[in-house]
C-alpha atoms as a PDB file:
ATOM      1  CA  MET A   1       0.000   0.000   0.000  1.00  0.00           C
ATOM      2  CA  LYS A   2       1.334   3.442  -0.967  1.00  0.00           C
ATOM      3  CA  ILE A   3       1.749   5.994   1.807  1.00  0.00           C
ATOM      4  CA  LEU A   4       2.287   9.691   1.125  1.00  0.00           C
ATOM      5  CA  ILE A   5       4.829  11.298   3.472  1.00  0.00           C
ATOM      6  CA  ILE A   6       4.648  15.023   4.241  1.00  0.00           C
ATOM      7  CA  LEU A   7       7.273  16.987   6.171  1.00  0.00           C
ATOM      8  CA  ILE A   8       5.892  20.112   7.816  1.00  0.00           C
ATOM      9  CA  ARG A   9       6.998  21.925  11.002  1.00  0.00           C
ATOM     10  CA  GLY A  10       9.862  19.447  11.336  1.00  0.00           C
ATOM     11  CA  ASN A  11       7.486  16.462  11.664  1.00  0.00           C
ATOM     12  CA  TYR A  12       6.679  13.688   9.224  1.00  0.00           C
ATOM     13  CA  TYR A  13       3.011  12.900   8.645  1.00  0.00           C
ATOM     14  CA  LYS A  14       1.722   9.864   6.766  1.00  0.00           C
ATOM     15  CA  ILE A  15      -1.329   9.931   4.525  1.00  0.00           C
ATOM     16  CA  ASN A  16      -3.057   6.865   3.087  1.00  0.00           C
ATOM     17  CA  CYS A  17      -4.955   6.639  -0.207  1.00  0.00           C
ATOM     18  CA  LYS A  18      -8.172   7.831   1.496  1.00  0.00           C
ATOM     19  CA  GLY A  19      -6.485  11.027   2.700  1.00  0.00           C
ATOM     20  CA  GLU A  20      -6.397   9.921   6.353  1.00  0.00           C
ATOM     21  CA  ILE A  21      -3.481  11.405   8.326  1.00  0.00           C
ATOM     22  CA  PHE A  22      -1.422   9.631  10.968  1.00  0.00           C
ATOM     23  CA  GLY A  23       2.107   9.813  12.387  1.00  0.00           C
ATOM     24  CA  GLY A  24       3.400  13.278  13.197  1.00  0.00           C
ATOM     25  CA  GLU A  25       4.453  14.682  16.527  1.00  0.00           C
ATOM     26  CA  HIS A  26       1.994  12.449  18.419  1.00  0.00           C
ATOM     27  CA  ASP A  27       3.266   9.374  16.536  1.00  0.00           C
ATOM     28  CA  LEU A  28      -0.194   8.053  15.675  1.00  0.00           C
ATOM     29  CA  THR A  29       0.311   4.522  14.374  1.00  0.00           C
ATOM     30  CA  GLU A  30      -3.051   4.126  12.623  1.00  0.00           C
ATOM     31  CA  PRO A  31      -5.399   6.543  10.861  1.00  0.00           C
ATOM     32  CA  SER A  32      -8.602   7.276  12.774  1.00  0.00           C
ATOM     33  CA  GLY A  33     -10.711   8.433   9.842  1.00  0.00           C
ATOM     34  CA  ASP A  34     -11.440  11.700  11.657  1.00  0.00           C
ATOM     35  CA  TRP A  35      -8.338  13.552  10.450  1.00  0.00           C
ATOM     36  CA  LEU A  36      -8.152  14.088   6.673  1.00  0.00           C
ATOM     37  CA  PHE A  37      -5.671  15.832   4.388  1.00  0.00           C
ATOM     38  CA  LEU A  38      -7.604  18.144   2.053  1.00  0.00           C
ATOM     39  CA  GLY A  39      -4.743  19.605   0.041  1.00  0.00           C
ATOM     40  CA  THR A  40      -2.677  22.776  -0.147  1.00  0.00           C
ATOM     41  CA  SER A  41      -2.959  26.421  -1.051  1.00  0.00           C
ATOM     42  CA  THR A  42      -0.180  28.429  -2.652  1.00  0.00           C
ATOM     43  CA  HIS A  43      -0.584  31.777  -0.888  1.00  0.00           C
ATOM     44  CA  HIS A  44      -1.444  32.598   2.714  1.00  0.00           C
ATOM     45  CA  MET A  45      -4.311  34.823   1.557  1.00  0.00           C
ATOM     46  CA  ASN A  46      -6.052  31.968  -0.288  1.00  0.00           C
ATOM     47  CA  ASN A  47      -9.131  30.952   1.653  1.00  0.00           C
ATOM     48  CA  ARG A  48      -9.476  27.634  -0.129  1.00  0.00           C
ATOM     49  CA  VAL A  49      -7.579  24.581  -1.291  1.00  0.00           C
ATOM     50  CA  ILE A  50      -5.788  25.175  -4.610  1.00  0.00           C
ATOM     51  CA  HIS A  51      -4.264  21.689  -5.030  1.00  0.00           C
ATOM     52  CA  PRO A  52      -6.703  19.079  -3.679  1.00  0.00           C
ATOM     53  CA  PHE A  53      -5.573  15.761  -2.233  1.00  0.00           C
ATOM     54  CA  HIS A  54      -6.410  13.725  -5.360  1.00  0.00           C
ATOM     55  CA  GLU A  55      -4.075  15.927  -7.467  1.00  0.00           C
ATOM     56  CA  ILE A  56      -1.268  15.699  -4.897  1.00  0.00           C
ATOM     57  CA  TRP A  57      -1.687  11.908  -4.777  1.00  0.00           C
ATOM     58  CA  LYS A  58      -0.928  11.857  -8.514  1.00  0.00           C
ATOM     59  CA  ASN A  59       1.873  14.453  -8.304  1.00  0.00           C
ATOM     60  CA  PRO A  60       3.340  14.954  -4.787  1.00  0.00           C
ATOM     61  CA  SER A  61       5.566  17.823  -5.931  1.00  0.00           C
ATOM     62  CA  LEU A  62       2.443  20.047  -6.067  1.00  0.00           C
ATOM     63  CA  ALA A  63       2.411  20.100  -2.253  1.00  0.00           C
ATOM     64  CA  ILE A  64       5.975  21.341  -1.745  1.00  0.00           C
ATOM     65  CA  LYS A  65       6.067  24.902  -0.348  1.00  0.00           C
ATOM     66  CA  GLY A  66       2.276  24.855   0.009  1.00  0.00           C
ATOM     67  CA  TYR A  67       0.178  25.652   3.059  1.00  0.00           C
ATOM     68  CA  MET A  68      -1.482  22.518   4.451  1.00  0.00           C
ATOM     69  CA  TRP A  69      -5.266  22.174   4.781  1.00  0.00           C
ATOM     70  CA  ASP A  70      -6.930  19.453   6.804  1.00  0.00           C
ATOM     71  CA  LYS A  71     -10.267  18.446   8.259  1.00  0.00           C
ATOM     72  CA  ASP A  72     -10.206  17.303  11.874  1.00  0.00           C
ATOM     73  CA  HIS A  73     -13.514  16.124  13.374  1.00  0.00           C
ATOM     74  CA  ASP A  74     -15.447  18.157  10.744  1.00  0.00           C
ATOM     75  CA  THR A  75     -13.411  21.345  11.301  1.00  0.00           C
ATOM     76  CA  THR A  76     -11.655  22.568   8.145  1.00  0.00           C
ATOM     77  CA  ARG A  77      -8.490  24.559   8.718  1.00  0.00           C
ATOM     78  CA  MET A  78      -5.316  25.859   7.146  1.00  0.00           C
ATOM     79  CA  TRP A  79      -2.309  25.127   9.358  1.00  0.00           C
ATOM     80  CA  GLY A  80      -1.180  28.281  11.058  1.00  0.00           C
ATOM     81  CA  GLY A  81       1.069  29.265  13.889  1.00  0.00           C
ATOM     82  CA  SER A  82       4.710  30.085  13.490  1.00  0.00           C
ATOM     83  CA  TYR A  83       7.612  27.939  12.346  1.00  0.00           C
ATOM     84  CA  TYR A  84      10.935  29.784  12.327  1.00  0.00           C
ATOM     85  CA  GLY A  85       9.019  33.063  12.334  1.00  0.00           C
ATOM     86  CA  GLN A  86       6.786  32.235   9.353  1.00  0.00           C
ATOM     87  CA  LEU A  87       3.624  30.315   8.573  1.00  0.00           C
ATOM     88  CA  PRO A  88       4.464  26.617   8.209  1.00  0.00           C
ATOM     89  CA  ARG A  89       4.829  25.251   4.684  1.00  0.00           C
ATOM     90  CA  ILE A  90       5.253  21.720   3.419  1.00  0.00           C
ATOM     91  CA  GLU A  91       8.985  21.098   3.074  1.00  0.00           C
ATOM     92  CA  ALA A  92       8.870  17.645   1.436  1.00  0.00           C
ATOM     93  CA  CYS A  93       6.242  15.347  -0.035  1.00  0.00           C
ATOM     94  CA  TYR A  94       6.926  11.861  -1.410  1.00  0.00           C
ATOM     95  CA  PHE A  95       5.720   8.255  -1.434  1.00  0.00           C
ATOM     96  CA  GLU A  96       7.029   5.612   0.939  1.00  0.00           C
END
């Protein structure tokens, strides 16, 4: 089974073919189904996903330098906060 690996904020997250996220700083070993990767946007002012998950699954390089969007327990969000003084961006995206 293919697993998409994303590096963001210095942590590696795993994403299965359904878009379910696991791994990361909490080291989740299995996807719960409640935390989904939606895709990325290319500018911090975008209020929507520009590259959806199904496009990134076909071409992981679309996610690199993008802002990550997810859905956690029905709450859609763009990852915010500060990472080295800036909004966090995806640093690497590839298949395991």
